[in-house]
PDB file of N, CA and C in Angstrom:
ATOM      1  N   MET A   1    -108.659 -21.937  -0.500  1.00  0.00           N
ATOM      2  CA  MET A   1    -108.502 -22.373  -1.870  1.00  0.00           C
ATOM      3  C   MET A   1    -109.067 -23.779  -2.052  1.00  0.00           C
ATOM      4  N   ALA A   2    -108.898 -24.657  -1.045  1.00  0.00           N
ATOM      5  CA  ALA A   2    -109.398 -26.028  -1.150  1.00  0.00           C
ATOM      6  C   ALA A   2    -110.919 -26.036  -1.273  1.00  0.00           C
ATOM      7  N   ASN A   3    -111.592 -25.155  -0.531  1.00  0.00           N
ATOM      8  CA  ASN A   3    -113.050 -25.087  -0.622  1.00  0.00           C
ATOM      9  C   ASN A   3    -113.494 -24.661  -2.012  1.00  0.00           C
ATOM     10  N   GLU A   4    -112.772 -23.737  -2.621  1.00  0.00           N
ATOM     11  CA  GLU A   4    -113.113 -23.294  -3.965  1.00  0.00           C
ATOM     12  C   GLU A   4    -112.980 -24.443  -4.961  1.00  0.00           C
ATOM     13  N   ILE A   5    -111.965 -25.254  -4.775  1.00  0.00           N
ATOM     14  CA  ILE A   5    -111.760 -26.397  -5.666  1.00  0.00           C
ATOM     15  C   ILE A   5    -112.911 -27.380  -5.514  1.00  0.00           C
ATOM     16  N   LEU A   6    -113.259 -27.689  -4.267  1.00  0.00           N
ATOM     17  CA  LEU A   6    -114.369 -28.612  -4.029  1.00  0.00           C
ATOM     18  C   LEU A   6    -115.674 -28.071  -4.602  1.00  0.00           C
ATOM     19  N   MET A   7    -115.916 -26.788  -4.414  1.00  0.00           N
ATOM     20  CA  MET A   7    -117.135 -26.171  -4.945  1.00  0.00           C
ATOM     21  C   MET A   7    -117.167 -26.280  -6.464  1.00  0.00           C
ATOM     22  N   HIS A   8    -116.018 -26.078  -7.092  1.00  0.00           N
ATOM     23  CA  HIS A   8    -115.953 -26.173  -8.544  1.00  0.00           C
ATOM     24  C   HIS A   8    -116.322 -27.586  -8.996  1.00  0.00           C
ATOM     25  N   PHE A   9    -115.756 -28.601  -8.340  1.00  0.00           N
ATOM     26  CA  PHE A   9    -116.043 -29.983  -8.726  1.00  0.00           C
ATOM     27  C   PHE A   9    -117.513 -30.319  -8.501  1.00  0.00           C
ATOM     28  N   ARG A  10    -118.082 -29.841  -7.394  1.00  0.00           N
ATOM     29  CA  ARG A  10    -119.504 -30.086  -7.132  1.00  0.00           C
ATOM     30  C   ARG A  10    -120.372 -29.427  -8.187  1.00  0.00           C
ATOM     31  N   SER A  11    -119.990 -28.223  -8.586  1.00  0.00           N
ATOM     32  CA  SER A  11    -120.794 -27.524  -9.585  1.00  0.00           C
ATOM     33  C   SER A  11    -120.719 -28.211 -10.943  1.00  0.00           C
ATOM     34  N   GLN A  12    -119.630 -28.871 -11.204  1.00  0.00           N
ATOM     35  CA  GLN A  12    -119.472 -29.593 -12.471  1.00  0.00           C
ATOM     36  C   GLN A  12    -120.034 -31.005 -12.395  1.00  0.00           C
ATOM     37  N   LYS A  13    -120.481 -31.405 -11.172  1.00  0.00           N
ATOM     38  CA  LYS A  13    -121.044 -32.731 -10.911  1.00  0.00           C
ATOM     39  C   LYS A  13    -120.098 -33.833 -11.356  1.00  0.00           C
ATOM     40  N   LYS A  14    -118.828 -33.628 -11.078  1.00  0.00           N
ATOM     41  CA  LYS A  14    -117.832 -34.644 -11.391  1.00  0.00           C
ATOM     42  C   LYS A  14    -117.550 -35.446 -10.138  1.00  0.00           C
ATOM     43  N   SER A  15    -117.280 -36.702 -10.313  1.00  0.00           N
ATOM     44  CA  SER A  15    -116.857 -37.517  -9.176  1.00  0.00           C
ATOM     45  C   SER A  15    -115.331 -37.530  -9.145  1.00  0.00           C
ATOM     46  N   ALA A  16    -114.777 -38.061  -8.085  1.00  0.00           N
ATOM     47  CA  ALA A  16    -113.323 -38.106  -7.952  1.00  0.00           C
ATOM     48  C   ALA A  16    -112.700 -38.887  -9.096  1.00  0.00           C
ATOM     49  N   GLN A  17    -113.439 -39.869  -9.657  1.00  0.00           N
ATOM     50  CA  GLN A  17    -112.898 -40.661 -10.753  1.00  0.00           C
ATOM     51  C   GLN A  17    -112.817 -39.855 -12.048  1.00  0.00           C
ATOM     52  N   ASP A  18    -113.615 -38.815 -12.162  1.00  0.00           N
ATOM     53  CA  ASP A  18    -113.650 -38.021 -13.388  1.00  0.00           C
ATOM     54  C   ASP A  18    -112.678 -36.844 -13.365  1.00  0.00           C
ATOM     55  N   VAL A  19    -112.021 -36.600 -12.266  1.00  0.00           N
ATOM     56  CA  VAL A  19    -111.175 -35.428 -12.118  1.00  0.00           C
ATOM     57  C   VAL A  19    -109.745 -35.754 -12.517  1.00  0.00           C
ATOM     58  N   TYR A  20    -109.189 -34.900 -13.345  1.00  0.00           N
ATOM     59  CA  TYR A  20    -107.798 -35.065 -13.762  1.00  0.00           C
ATOM     60  C   TYR A  20    -107.006 -33.851 -13.310  1.00  0.00           C
ATOM     61  N   ILE A  21    -105.759 -34.070 -13.002  1.00  0.00           N
ATOM     62  CA  ILE A  21    -104.917 -32.995 -12.468  1.00  0.00           C
ATOM     63  C   ILE A  21    -104.724 -31.876 -13.489  1.00  0.00           C
ATOM     64  N   SER A  22    -104.895 -32.188 -14.768  1.00  0.00           N
ATOM     65  CA  SER A  22    -104.718 -31.165 -15.805  1.00  0.00           C
ATOM     66  C   SER A  22    -106.026 -30.498 -16.221  1.00  0.00           C
ATOM     67  N   ASP A  23    -107.157 -30.859 -15.577  1.00  0.00           N
ATOM     68  CA  ASP A  23    -108.443 -30.222 -15.878  1.00  0.00           C
ATOM     69  C   ASP A  23    -108.413 -28.753 -15.468  1.00  0.00           C
ATOM     70  N   PRO A  24    -108.919 -27.867 -16.319  1.00  0.00           N
ATOM     71  CA  PRO A  24    -109.017 -26.467 -15.906  1.00  0.00           C
ATOM     72  C   PRO A  24    -110.056 -26.312 -14.795  1.00  0.00           C
ATOM     73  N   ILE A  25    -109.682 -25.562 -13.750  1.00  0.00           N
ATOM     74  CA  ILE A  25    -110.619 -25.376 -12.634  1.00  0.00           C
ATOM     75  C   ILE A  25    -110.954 -23.917 -12.381  1.00  0.00           C
ATOM     76  N   ASP A  26    -110.171 -23.013 -12.951  1.00  0.00           N
ATOM     77  CA  ASP A  26    -110.390 -21.591 -12.708  1.00  0.00           C
ATOM     78  C   ASP A  26    -109.557 -20.810 -13.718  1.00  0.00           C
ATOM     79  N   THR A  27    -109.613 -19.492 -13.626  1.00  0.00           N
ATOM     80  CA  THR A  27    -108.743 -18.646 -14.446  1.00  0.00           C
ATOM     81  C   THR A  27    -108.009 -17.682 -13.528  1.00  0.00           C
ATOM     82  N   ASP A  28    -106.823 -17.273 -13.968  1.00  0.00           N
ATOM     83  CA  ASP A  28    -106.068 -16.300 -13.171  1.00  0.00           C
ATOM     84  C   ASP A  28    -106.507 -14.890 -13.546  1.00  0.00           C
ATOM     85  N   LYS A  29    -105.878 -13.886 -12.946  1.00  0.00           N
ATOM     86  CA  LYS A  29    -106.296 -12.495 -13.174  1.00  0.00           C
ATOM     87  C   LYS A  29    -106.095 -12.039 -14.609  1.00  0.00           C
ATOM     88  N   ASP A  30    -105.237 -12.768 -15.366  1.00  0.00           N
ATOM     89  CA  ASP A  30    -105.011 -12.421 -16.772  1.00  0.00           C
ATOM     90  C   ASP A  30    -105.901 -13.219 -17.721  1.00  0.00           C
ATOM     91  N   GLY A  31    -106.777 -14.053 -17.152  1.00  0.00           N
ATOM     92  CA  GLY A  31    -107.685 -14.835 -17.977  1.00  0.00           C
ATOM     93  C   GLY A  31    -107.123 -16.179 -18.409  1.00  0.00           C
ATOM     94  N   ASN A  32    -105.930 -16.550 -17.951  1.00  0.00           N
ATOM     95  CA  ASN A  32    -105.343 -17.843 -18.296  1.00  0.00           C
ATOM     96  C   ASN A  32    -105.973 -18.935 -17.441  1.00  0.00           C
ATOM     97  N   GLN A  33    -106.154 -20.105 -18.037  1.00  0.00           N
ATOM     98  CA  GLN A  33    -106.741 -21.213 -17.286  1.00  0.00           C
ATOM     99  C   GLN A  33    -105.778 -21.732 -16.231  1.00  0.00           C
ATOM    100  N   LEU A  34    -106.329 -22.065 -15.070  1.00  0.00           N
ATOM    101  CA  LEU A  34    -105.565 -22.690 -13.998  1.00  0.00           C
ATOM    102  C   LEU A  34    -106.018 -24.130 -13.858  1.00  0.00           C
ATOM    103  N   THR A  35    -105.068 -25.020 -13.729  1.00  0.00           N
ATOM    104  CA  THR A  35    -105.390 -26.422 -13.506  1.00  0.00           C
ATOM    105  C   THR A  35    -105.183 -26.754 -12.036  1.00  0.00           C
ATOM    106  N   LEU A  36    -105.652 -27.923 -11.636  1.00  0.00           N
ATOM    107  CA  LEU A  36    -105.446 -28.372 -10.263  1.00  0.00           C
ATOM    108  C   LEU A  36    -103.949 -28.439  -9.951  1.00  0.00           C
ATOM    109  N   MET A  37    -103.148 -28.857 -10.911  1.00  0.00           N
ATOM    110  CA  MET A  37    -101.698 -28.931 -10.706  1.00  0.00           C
ATOM    111  C   MET A  37    -101.107 -27.546 -10.442  1.00  0.00           C
ATOM    112  N   ASP A  38    -101.581 -26.528 -11.140  1.00  0.00           N
ATOM    113  CA  ASP A  38    -101.098 -25.164 -10.913  1.00  0.00           C
ATOM    114  C   ASP A  38    -101.358 -24.737  -9.478  1.00  0.00           C
ATOM    115  N   VAL A  39    -102.552 -25.017  -8.999  1.00  0.00           N
ATOM    116  CA  VAL A  39    -102.943 -24.608  -7.649  1.00  0.00           C
ATOM    117  C   VAL A  39    -102.150 -25.382  -6.606  1.00  0.00           C
ATOM    118  N   VAL A  40    -102.040 -26.685  -6.777  1.00  0.00           N
ATOM    119  CA  VAL A  40    -101.327 -27.517  -5.811  1.00  0.00           C
ATOM    120  C   VAL A  40     -99.851 -27.146  -5.771  1.00  0.00           C
ATOM    121  N   SER A  41     -99.220 -26.983  -6.914  1.00  0.00           N
ATOM    122  CA  SER A  41     -97.791 -26.663  -6.921  1.00  0.00           C
ATOM    123  C   SER A  41     -97.547 -25.277  -6.356  1.00  0.00           C
ATOM    124  N   CYS A  42     -98.454 -24.356  -6.573  1.00  0.00           N
ATOM    125  CA  CYS A  42     -98.306 -23.005  -6.040  1.00  0.00           C
ATOM    126  C   CYS A  42     -98.377 -23.026  -4.521  1.00  0.00           C
ATOM    127  N   GLU A  43     -99.324 -23.758  -3.961  1.00  0.00           N
ATOM    128  CA  GLU A  43     -99.453 -23.820  -2.511  1.00  0.00           C
ATOM    129  C   GLU A  43     -98.244 -24.498  -1.888  1.00  0.00           C
ATOM    130  N   ASP A  44     -97.711 -25.547  -2.546  1.00  0.00           N
ATOM    131  CA  ASP A  44     -96.506 -26.211  -2.032  1.00  0.00           C
ATOM    132  C   ASP A  44     -95.341 -25.235  -2.007  1.00  0.00           C
ATOM    133  N   THR A  45     -95.222 -24.434  -3.037  1.00  0.00           N
ATOM    134  CA  THR A  45     -94.144 -23.466  -3.098  1.00  0.00           C
ATOM    135  C   THR A  45     -94.268 -22.450  -1.978  1.00  0.00           C
ATOM    136  N   ILE A  46     -95.463 -22.011  -1.704  1.00  0.00           N
ATOM    137  CA  ILE A  46     -95.684 -21.043  -0.625  1.00  0.00           C
ATOM    138  C   ILE A  46     -95.272 -21.653   0.704  1.00  0.00           C
ATOM    139  N   LEU A  47     -95.691 -22.888   0.953  1.00  0.00           N
ATOM    140  CA  LEU A  47     -95.320 -23.554   2.199  1.00  0.00           C
ATOM    141  C   LEU A  47     -93.810 -23.733   2.304  1.00  0.00           C
ATOM    142  N   ASP A  48     -93.181 -24.129   1.201  1.00  0.00           N
ATOM    143  CA  ASP A  48     -91.726 -24.284   1.199  1.00  0.00           C
ATOM    144  C   ASP A  48     -91.035 -22.952   1.450  1.00  0.00           C
ATOM    145  N   ASP A  49     -91.546 -21.879   0.833  1.00  0.00           N
ATOM    146  CA  ASP A  49     -90.963 -20.553   1.027  1.00  0.00           C
ATOM    147  C   ASP A  49     -91.079 -20.095   2.474  1.00  0.00           C
ATOM    148  N   VAL A  50     -92.233 -20.331   3.082  1.00  0.00           N
ATOM    149  CA  VAL A  50     -92.436 -19.944   4.478  1.00  0.00           C
ATOM    150  C   VAL A  50     -91.511 -20.747   5.384  1.00  0.00           C
ATOM    151  N   ASP A  51     -91.422 -22.055   5.133  1.00  0.00           N
ATOM    152  CA  ASP A  51     -90.550 -22.923   5.936  1.00  0.00           C
ATOM    153  C   ASP A  51     -89.095 -22.471   5.808  1.00  0.00           C
ATOM    154  N   LEU A  52     -88.663 -22.168   4.593  1.00  0.00           N
ATOM    155  CA  LEU A  52     -87.287 -21.702   4.377  1.00  0.00           C
ATOM    156  C   LEU A  52     -87.036 -20.392   5.102  1.00  0.00           C
ATOM    157  N   LYS A  53     -87.990 -19.480   5.062  1.00  0.00           N
ATOM    158  CA  LYS A  53     -87.828 -18.193   5.739  1.00  0.00           C
ATOM    159  C   LYS A  53     -87.709 -18.385   7.252  1.00  0.00           C
ATOM    160  N   ILE A  54     -88.546 -19.247   7.813  1.00  0.00           N
ATOM    161  CA  ILE A  54     -88.492 -19.512   9.256  1.00  0.00           C
ATOM    162  C   ILE A  54     -87.144 -20.117   9.624  1.00  0.00           C
ATOM    163  N   LYS A  55     -86.700 -21.111   8.860  1.00  0.00           N
ATOM    164  CA  LYS A  55     -85.420 -21.758   9.157  1.00  0.00           C
ATOM    165  C   LYS A  55     -84.255 -20.790   8.958  1.00  0.00           C
ATOM    166  N   SER A  56     -84.342 -19.918   7.985  1.00  0.00           N
ATOM    167  CA  SER A  56     -83.288 -18.920   7.765  1.00  0.00           C
ATOM    168  C   SER A  56     -83.174 -17.972   8.948  1.00  0.00           C
ATOM    169  N   GLU A  57     -84.329 -17.532   9.465  1.00  0.00           N
ATOM    170  CA  GLU A  57     -84.324 -16.652  10.636  1.00  0.00           C
ATOM    171  C   GLU A  57     -83.745 -17.366  11.855  1.00  0.00           C
ATOM    172  N   GLN A  58     -84.105 -18.638  12.022  1.00  0.00           N
ATOM    173  CA  GLN A  58     -83.552 -19.413  13.128  1.00  0.00           C
ATOM    174  C   GLN A  58     -82.039 -19.530  12.989  1.00  0.00           C
ATOM    175  N   LEU A  59     -81.579 -19.815  11.783  1.00  0.00           N
ATOM    176  CA  LEU A  59     -80.148 -19.966  11.542  1.00  0.00           C
ATOM    177  C   LEU A  59     -79.398 -18.676  11.855  1.00  0.00           C
ATOM    178  N   ARG A  60     -79.958 -17.551  11.451  1.00  0.00           N
ATOM    179  CA  ARG A  60     -79.314 -16.263  11.767  1.00  0.00           C
ATOM    180  C   ARG A  60     -79.143 -16.089  13.273  1.00  0.00           C
ATOM    181  N   ALA A  61     -80.175 -16.446  14.013  1.00  0.00           N
ATOM    182  CA  ALA A  61     -80.112 -16.334  15.475  1.00  0.00           C
ATOM    183  C   ALA A  61     -79.075 -17.302  16.045  1.00  0.00           C
ATOM    184  N   TYR A  62     -79.031 -18.514  15.526  1.00  0.00           N
ATOM    185  CA  TYR A  62     -78.084 -19.505  16.026  1.00  0.00           C
ATOM    186  C   TYR A  62     -76.639 -19.101  15.724  1.00  0.00           C
ATOM    187  N   ILE A  63     -76.421 -18.512  14.556  1.00  0.00           N
ATOM    188  CA  ILE A  63     -75.062 -18.091  14.186  1.00  0.00           C
ATOM    189  C   ILE A  63     -74.547 -17.040  15.164  1.00  0.00           C
ATOM    190  N   LYS A  64     -75.448 -16.202  15.666  1.00  0.00           N
ATOM    191  CA  LYS A  64     -75.043 -15.186  16.647  1.00  0.00           C
ATOM    192  C   LYS A  64     -74.531 -15.815  17.936  1.00  0.00           C
ATOM    193  N   ASN A  65     -74.927 -17.057  18.219  1.00  0.00           N
ATOM    194  CA  ASN A  65     -74.479 -17.747  19.426  1.00  0.00           C
ATOM    195  C   ASN A  65     -73.083 -18.366  19.290  1.00  0.00           C
ATOM    196  N   LEU A  66     -72.551 -18.403  18.068  1.00  0.00           N
ATOM    197  CA  LEU A  66     -71.216 -18.963  17.861  1.00  0.00           C
ATOM    198  C   LEU A  66     -70.160 -18.001  18.396  1.00  0.00           C
ATOM    199  N   SER A  67     -68.963 -18.529  18.609  1.00  0.00           N
ATOM    200  CA  SER A  67     -67.856 -17.654  19.005  1.00  0.00           C
ATOM    201  C   SER A  67     -67.542 -16.725  17.832  1.00  0.00           C
ATOM    202  N   PRO A  68     -66.889 -15.600  18.081  1.00  0.00           N
ATOM    203  CA  PRO A  68     -66.567 -14.678  16.983  1.00  0.00           C
ATOM    204  C   PRO A  68     -65.772 -15.349  15.852  1.00  0.00           C
ATOM    205  N   ARG A  69     -64.830 -16.213  16.198  1.00  0.00           N
ATOM    206  CA  ARG A  69     -64.024 -16.888  15.163  1.00  0.00           C
ATOM    207  C   ARG A  69     -64.886 -17.874  14.376  1.00  0.00           C
ATOM    208  N   GLU A  70     -65.722 -18.647  15.065  1.00  0.00           N
ATOM    209  CA  GLU A  70     -66.606 -19.588  14.373  1.00  0.00           C
ATOM    210  C   GLU A  70     -67.563 -18.839  13.451  1.00  0.00           C
ATOM    211  N   ARG A  71     -68.123 -17.761  13.959  1.00  0.00           N
ATOM    212  CA  ARG A  71     -69.060 -16.954  13.163  1.00  0.00           C
ATOM    213  C   ARG A  71     -68.377 -16.414  11.919  1.00  0.00           C
ATOM    214  N   ALA A  72     -67.173 -15.888  12.071  1.00  0.00           N
ATOM    215  CA  ALA A  72     -66.439 -15.328  10.929  1.00  0.00           C
ATOM    216  C   ALA A  72     -66.174 -16.396   9.877  1.00  0.00           C
ATOM    217  N   ILE A  73     -65.782 -17.569  10.325  1.00  0.00           N
ATOM    218  CA  ILE A  73     -65.483 -18.650   9.376  1.00  0.00           C
ATOM    219  C   ILE A  73     -66.745 -19.086   8.644  1.00  0.00           C
ATOM    220  N   ILE A  74     -67.843 -19.274   9.357  1.00  0.00           N
ATOM    221  CA  ILE A  74     -69.101 -19.678   8.713  1.00  0.00           C
ATOM    222  C   ILE A  74     -69.566 -18.601   7.729  1.00  0.00           C
ATOM    223  N   GLU A  75     -69.473 -17.345   8.130  1.00  0.00           N
ATOM    224  CA  GLU A  75     -69.901 -16.252   7.244  1.00  0.00           C
ATOM    225  C   GLU A  75     -69.051 -16.203   5.978  1.00  0.00           C
ATOM    226  N   MET A  76     -67.743 -16.378   6.115  1.00  0.00           N
ATOM    227  CA  MET A  76     -66.875 -16.340   4.928  1.00  0.00           C
ATOM    228  C   MET A  76     -67.050 -17.586   4.065  1.00  0.00           C
ATOM    229  N   ARG A  77     -67.106 -18.749   4.689  1.00  0.00           N
ATOM    230  CA  ARG A  77     -67.197 -20.002   3.934  1.00  0.00           C
ATOM    231  C   ARG A  77     -68.493 -20.107   3.130  1.00  0.00           C
ATOM    232  N   TYR A  78     -69.591 -19.622   3.695  1.00  0.00           N
ATOM    233  CA  TYR A  78     -70.887 -19.785   3.040  1.00  0.00           C
ATOM    234  C   TYR A  78     -71.417 -18.500   2.405  1.00  0.00           C
ATOM    235  N   GLY A  79     -70.594 -17.457   2.386  1.00  0.00           N
ATOM    236  CA  GLY A  79     -70.970 -16.234   1.692  1.00  0.00           C
ATOM    237  C   GLY A  79     -72.193 -15.561   2.262  1.00  0.00           C
ATOM    238  N   LEU A  80     -72.266 -15.476   3.583  1.00  0.00           N
ATOM    239  CA  LEU A  80     -73.408 -14.820   4.204  1.00  0.00           C
ATOM    240  C   LEU A  80     -73.314 -13.304   4.047  1.00  0.00           C
ATOM    241  N   HIS A  81     -74.419 -12.631   4.230  1.00  0.00           N
ATOM    242  CA  HIS A  81     -74.519 -11.166   4.121  1.00  0.00           C
ATOM    243  C   HIS A  81     -74.152 -10.688   2.716  1.00  0.00           C
ATOM    244  N   GLY A  82     -74.495 -11.491   1.722  1.00  0.00           N
ATOM    245  CA  GLY A  82     -74.301 -11.099   0.331  1.00  0.00           C
ATOM    246  C   GLY A  82     -72.877 -11.235  -0.193  1.00  0.00           C
ATOM    247  N   ALA A  83     -71.984 -11.788   0.601  1.00  0.00           N
ATOM    248  CA  ALA A  83     -70.593 -11.956   0.160  1.00  0.00           C
ATOM    249  C   ALA A  83     -70.456 -13.241  -0.666  1.00  0.00           C
ATOM    250  N   ARG A  84     -69.356 -13.347  -1.353  1.00  0.00           N
ATOM    251  CA  ARG A  84     -69.046 -14.534  -2.140  1.00  0.00           C
ATOM    252  C   ARG A  84     -68.513 -15.626  -1.214  1.00  0.00           C
ATOM    253  N   PRO A  85     -68.996 -16.870  -1.351  1.00  0.00           N
ATOM    254  CA  PRO A  85     -68.433 -17.954  -0.549  1.00  0.00           C
ATOM    255  C   PRO A  85     -66.935 -18.111  -0.842  1.00  0.00           C
ATOM    256  N   GLN A  86     -66.167 -18.371   0.198  1.00  0.00           N
ATOM    257  CA  GLN A  86     -64.722 -18.482   0.046  1.00  0.00           C
ATOM    258  C   GLN A  86     -64.258 -19.896   0.380  1.00  0.00           C
ATOM    259  N   THR A  87     -63.129 -20.272  -0.204  1.00  0.00           N
ATOM    260  CA  THR A  87     -62.559 -21.585   0.073  1.00  0.00           C
ATOM    261  C   THR A  87     -61.911 -21.564   1.458  1.00  0.00           C
ATOM    262  N   GLN A  88     -61.650 -22.749   1.985  1.00  0.00           N
ATOM    263  CA  GLN A  88     -60.963 -22.836   3.270  1.00  0.00           C
ATOM    264  C   GLN A  88     -59.590 -22.172   3.180  1.00  0.00           C
ATOM    265  N   ARG A  89     -58.944 -22.315   2.050  1.00  0.00           N
ATOM    266  CA  ARG A  89     -57.625 -21.696   1.856  1.00  0.00           C
ATOM    267  C   ARG A  89     -57.718 -20.173   1.932  1.00  0.00           C
ATOM    268  N   GLU A  90     -58.736 -19.585   1.302  1.00  0.00           N
ATOM    269  CA  GLU A  90     -58.914 -18.130   1.349  1.00  0.00           C
ATOM    270  C   GLU A  90     -59.192 -17.661   2.772  1.00  0.00           C
ATOM    271  N   VAL A  91     -60.070 -18.392   3.476  1.00  0.00           N
ATOM    272  CA  VAL A  91     -60.404 -18.031   4.856  1.00  0.00           C
ATOM    273  C   VAL A  91     -59.159 -18.135   5.731  1.00  0.00           C
ATOM    274  N   ALA A  92     -58.394 -19.202   5.549  1.00  0.00           N
ATOM    275  CA  ALA A  92     -57.176 -19.403   6.336  1.00  0.00           C
ATOM    276  C   ALA A  92     -56.205 -18.242   6.126  1.00  0.00           C
ATOM    277  N   GLY A  93     -56.062 -17.793   4.883  1.00  0.00           N
ATOM    278  CA  GLY A  93     -55.173 -16.670   4.589  1.00  0.00           C
ATOM    279  C   GLY A  93     -55.621 -15.386   5.260  1.00  0.00           C
ATOM    280  N   LYS A  94     -56.915 -15.135   5.251  1.00  0.00           N
ATOM    281  CA  LYS A  94     -57.435 -13.904   5.864  1.00  0.00           C
ATOM    282  C   LYS A  94     -57.311 -13.925   7.380  1.00  0.00           C
ATOM    283  N   LEU A  95     -57.465 -15.109   7.981  1.00  0.00           N
ATOM    284  CA  LEU A  95     -57.398 -15.207   9.440  1.00  0.00           C
ATOM    285  C   LEU A  95     -56.000 -15.580   9.940  1.00  0.00           C
ATOM    286  N   ASN A  96     -55.100 -15.815   9.000  1.00  0.00           N
ATOM    287  CA  ASN A  96     -53.714 -16.169   9.335  1.00  0.00           C
ATOM    288  C   ASN A  96     -53.639 -17.433  10.200  1.00  0.00           C
ATOM    289  N   ILE A  97     -54.433 -18.441   9.784  1.00  0.00           N
ATOM    290  CA  ILE A  97     -54.409 -19.748  10.435  1.00  0.00           C
ATOM    291  C   ILE A  97     -54.312 -20.809   9.344  1.00  0.00           C
ATOM    292  N   SER A  98     -54.091 -22.060   9.718  1.00  0.00           N
ATOM    293  CA  SER A  98     -53.958 -23.127   8.715  1.00  0.00           C
ATOM    294  C   SER A  98     -55.325 -23.516   8.157  1.00  0.00           C
ATOM    295  N   ARG A  99     -55.295 -24.070   6.950  1.00  0.00           N
ATOM    296  CA  ARG A  99     -56.522 -24.537   6.312  1.00  0.00           C
ATOM    297  C   ARG A  99     -57.158 -25.654   7.139  1.00  0.00           C
ATOM    298  N   SER A 100     -56.353 -26.535   7.691  1.00  0.00           N
ATOM    299  CA  SER A 100     -56.892 -27.626   8.505  1.00  0.00           C
ATOM    300  C   SER A 100     -57.567 -27.095   9.775  1.00  0.00           C
ATOM    301  N   TYR A 101     -57.041 -26.002  10.332  1.00  0.00           N
ATOM    302  CA  TYR A 101     -57.656 -25.410  11.512  1.00  0.00           C
ATOM    303  C   TYR A 101     -59.011 -24.788  11.140  1.00  0.00           C
ATOM    304  N   VAL A 102     -59.071 -24.164   9.961  1.00  0.00           N
ATOM    305  CA  VAL A 102     -60.343 -23.630   9.455  1.00  0.00           C
ATOM    306  C   VAL A 102     -61.343 -24.769   9.335  1.00  0.00           C
ATOM    307  N   SER A 103     -60.897 -25.902   8.780  1.00  0.00           N
ATOM    308  CA  SER A 103     -61.759 -27.063   8.603  1.00  0.00           C
ATOM    309  C   SER A 103     -62.299 -27.563   9.941  1.00  0.00           C
ATOM    310  N   ARG A 104     -61.449 -27.659  10.954  1.00  0.00           N
ATOM    311  CA  ARG A 104     -61.886 -28.139  12.278  1.00  0.00           C
ATOM    312  C   ARG A 104     -62.885 -27.175  12.916  1.00  0.00           C
ATOM    313  N   ILE A 105     -62.601 -25.874  12.823  1.00  0.00           N
ATOM    314  CA  ILE A 105     -63.512 -24.873  13.404  1.00  0.00           C
ATOM    315  C   ILE A 105     -64.854 -24.894  12.676  1.00  0.00           C
ATOM    316  N   GLU A 106     -64.804 -24.981  11.352  1.00  0.00           N
ATOM    317  CA  GLU A 106     -66.035 -25.023  10.554  1.00  0.00           C
ATOM    318  C   GLU A 106     -66.865 -26.256  10.924  1.00  0.00           C
ATOM    319  N   LYS A 107     -66.212 -27.404  11.015  1.00  0.00           N
ATOM    320  CA  LYS A 107     -66.924 -28.637  11.362  1.00  0.00           C
ATOM    321  C   LYS A 107     -67.566 -28.529  12.741  1.00  0.00           C
ATOM    322  N   ARG A 108     -66.839 -27.978  13.704  1.00  0.00           N
ATOM    323  CA  ARG A 108     -67.377 -27.817  15.060  1.00  0.00           C
ATOM    324  C   ARG A 108     -68.575 -26.856  15.058  1.00  0.00           C
ATOM    325  N   ALA A 109     -68.438 -25.744  14.345  1.00  0.00           N
ATOM    326  CA  ALA A 109     -69.520 -24.755  14.286  1.00  0.00           C
ATOM    327  C   ALA A 109     -70.766 -25.334  13.620  1.00  0.00           C
ATOM    328  N   LEU A 110     -70.586 -26.083  12.536  1.00  0.00           N
ATOM    329  CA  LEU A 110     -71.731 -26.700  11.866  1.00  0.00           C
ATOM    330  C   LEU A 110     -72.410 -27.721  12.778  1.00  0.00           C
ATOM    331  N   GLY A 111     -71.609 -28.441  13.553  1.00  0.00           N
ATOM    332  CA  GLY A 111     -72.176 -29.376  14.527  1.00  0.00           C
ATOM    333  C   GLY A 111     -73.014 -28.659  15.567  1.00  0.00           C
ATOM    334  N   GLU A 112     -72.526 -27.517  16.043  1.00  0.00           N
ATOM    335  CA  GLU A 112     -73.288 -26.727  17.016  1.00  0.00           C
ATOM    336  C   GLU A 112     -74.602 -26.238  16.414  1.00  0.00           C
ATOM    337  N   LEU A 113     -74.548 -25.782  15.169  1.00  0.00           N
ATOM    338  CA  LEU A 113     -75.758 -25.292  14.502  1.00  0.00           C
ATOM    339  C   LEU A 113     -76.773 -26.418  14.321  1.00  0.00           C
ATOM    340  N   ARG A 114     -76.290 -27.593  13.884  1.00  0.00           N
ATOM    341  CA  ARG A 114     -77.187 -28.742  13.741  1.00  0.00           C
ATOM    342  C   ARG A 114     -77.823 -29.108  15.073  1.00  0.00           C
ATOM    343  N   GLY A 115     -77.013 -29.073  16.123  1.00  0.00           N
ATOM    344  CA  GLY A 115     -77.511 -29.395  17.449  1.00  0.00           C
ATOM    345  C   GLY A 115     -78.605 -28.432  17.906  1.00  0.00           C
ATOM    346  N   GLN A 116     -78.441 -27.170  17.584  1.00  0.00           N
ATOM    347  CA  GLN A 116     -79.453 -26.179  17.974  1.00  0.00           C
ATOM    348  C   GLN A 116     -80.761 -26.420  17.211  1.00  0.00           C
ATOM    349  N   PHE A 117     -80.675 -26.812  15.943  1.00  0.00           N
ATOM    350  CA  PHE A 117     -81.893 -27.131  15.200  1.00  0.00           C
ATOM    351  C   PHE A 117     -82.549 -28.388  15.770  1.00  0.00           C
ATOM    352  N   ALA A 118     -81.749 -29.350  16.170  1.00  0.00           N
ATOM    353  CA  ALA A 118     -82.290 -30.605  16.724  1.00  0.00           C
ATOM    354  C   ALA A 118     -82.975 -30.362  18.065  1.00  0.00           C
ATOM    355  N   ASP A 119     -82.488 -29.380  18.828  1.00  0.00           N
ATOM    356  CA  ASP A 119     -83.067 -29.089  20.137  1.00  0.00           C
ATOM    357  C   ASP A 119     -84.445 -28.425  20.033  1.00  0.00           C
ATOM    358  N   ASP A 120     -84.725 -27.786  18.902  1.00  0.00           N
ATOM    359  CA  ASP A 120     -86.015 -27.078  18.738  1.00  0.00           C
ATOM    360  C   ASP A 120     -87.141 -27.995  18.455  1.00  0.00           C
TER     361      ASP A 120
END
């Protein structure tokens, strides 16, 4: 895509001083004009989406390394697997433990997850 942009500017014989981010540089498949900002923001979004997907996959793998109780608490607290996120009080009631114990386990599990990301 970057080469296409450069080719467009060369064909228009514009210098870098004449180029504005809102200048039309191409058209999309529906015939709408595309500006440099459209192209740049689209590519950033793609990179962000790919990065998020990679980190999400890593997180799923790391969660599997937690103890069963830690995994259950993280899954309930953050609404993993399409579930609704639950409060510490709700999790404590389901596991028949105190809210403060849920808090300590959650904090420890999050620390382990952060540590695994830092090690990569």
